[in-house]
Structures are given as structure tokens and as C-alpha cells.
Amino acid sequence: PDLEHIINSLTSNFTKFELKEMTHLKSTYSKHMFRILKQYKHTGYVKIKIDDFRERLDIPNSYRMTHINQK
């Protein structure tokens, strides 16, 4: 009972999405991108630097931009 308020408001600081939506995605990159885009669905866009983009998607440094575009 003392922690009920914490458990009941736990979802307020997280991005929510349907499990069904996530399980239909095949690649790790698409799942990472899906999470990022869901965070910004209310603004309608996200603008990040390429280095941050690479980090968020766990893209190896050895990948050139052409590799990213292919994937």
C-alpha cells in the first residue's frame, strides 16, 4: 500500500506501444527506430545528429553511410 502510487504511475515516464506492433518488425534496426519514432509521435518529427542516430541504433563505426542507407 505504501508503494501503490509508484506502481500505478509507473507508465507515465515511458513510451507505450503495442506488443503486436513491435513483434511484426524483423530487424534490430527497425525495432530501435520504431522506439525512437514512438517517443516523438506527438511532435510529428525528430531531428538528431548523425552521430546520435548511429549511437541510438547501435550502428557499428565500420558502417559507412551507404551501408546505413541500404539497411
Protein backbone atom coordinates (compact mmCIF):
# COMPACT_ATOMS: atom_id res chain seq x y z
CA PRO A 1 0.00 0.00 0.00
CA ASP A 2 2.84 2.44 0.73
CA LEU A 3 4.22 2.00 -2.80
CA GLU A 4 0.91 1.81 -4.65
CA HIS A 5 1.28 5.33 -6.07
CA ILE A 6 4.65 4.38 -7.61
CA ILE A 7 3.30 1.28 -9.31
CA ASN A 8 0.14 2.99 -10.54
CA SER A 9 2.04 5.89 -12.11
CA LEU A 10 4.91 3.78 -13.44
CA THR A 11 3.81 4.09 -17.08
CA SER A 12 3.83 7.89 -17.08
CA ASN A 13 7.57 8.14 -17.82
CA PHE A 14 7.81 5.51 -20.53
CA THR A 15 6.99 5.19 -24.21
CA LYS A 16 3.99 2.93 -24.71
CA PHE A 17 3.39 0.76 -27.75
CA GLU A 18 1.53 -2.39 -28.65
CA LEU A 19 3.49 -5.60 -28.43
CA LYS A 20 1.84 -6.74 -31.65
CA GLU A 21 3.31 -3.74 -33.50
CA MET A 22 6.79 -4.50 -32.23
CA THR A 23 6.74 -8.22 -32.96
CA HIS A 24 5.91 -7.62 -36.64
CA LEU A 25 9.23 -5.83 -37.13
CA LYS A 26 12.04 -8.07 -38.30
CA SER A 27 15.37 -6.30 -37.96
CA THR A 28 17.01 -4.91 -34.86
CA TYR A 29 17.43 -1.57 -36.61
CA SER A 30 13.73 -1.30 -37.38
CA LYS A 31 12.88 -2.07 -33.75
CA HIS A 32 15.28 0.60 -32.50
CA MET A 33 13.88 3.09 -35.00
CA PHE A 34 10.32 2.21 -34.03
CA ARG A 35 11.07 3.00 -30.38
CA ILE A 36 12.68 6.33 -31.30
CA LEU A 37 9.81 7.38 -33.54
CA LYS A 38 7.20 6.39 -30.95
CA GLN A 39 8.84 8.77 -28.49
CA TYR A 40 8.23 11.66 -30.88
CA LYS A 41 4.81 10.72 -32.24
CA HIS A 42 3.17 13.76 -30.63
CA THR A 43 5.55 16.26 -32.21
CA GLY A 44 5.41 14.57 -35.61
CA TYR A 45 9.15 14.69 -36.22
CA VAL A 46 12.53 14.02 -34.68
CA LYS A 47 15.76 15.81 -35.55
CA ILE A 48 19.01 14.31 -34.29
CA LYS A 49 22.64 14.49 -35.31
CA ILE A 50 24.01 11.60 -37.32
CA ASP A 51 26.38 10.58 -34.50
CA ASP A 52 23.47 10.39 -32.08
CA PHE A 53 21.45 8.47 -34.67
CA ARG A 54 24.24 5.93 -35.08
CA GLU A 55 24.57 5.56 -31.32
CA ARG A 56 20.85 5.12 -30.70
CA LEU A 57 20.61 2.44 -33.36
CA ASP A 58 23.86 0.76 -32.30
CA ILE A 59 25.28 1.12 -35.79
CA PRO A 60 28.90 -0.02 -35.89
CA ASN A 61 31.52 2.62 -36.65
CA SER A 62 32.72 0.44 -39.51
CA TYR A 63 29.41 1.03 -41.37
CA ARG A 64 29.65 3.74 -43.99
CA MET A 65 26.65 5.92 -44.81
CA THR A 66 25.93 3.78 -47.86
CA HIS A 67 25.60 0.72 -45.59
CA ILE A 68 23.11 2.59 -43.39
CA ASN A 69 21.06 3.62 -46.42
CA GLN A 70 20.95 0.02 -47.64
CA LYS A 71 19.66 -1.29 -44.34
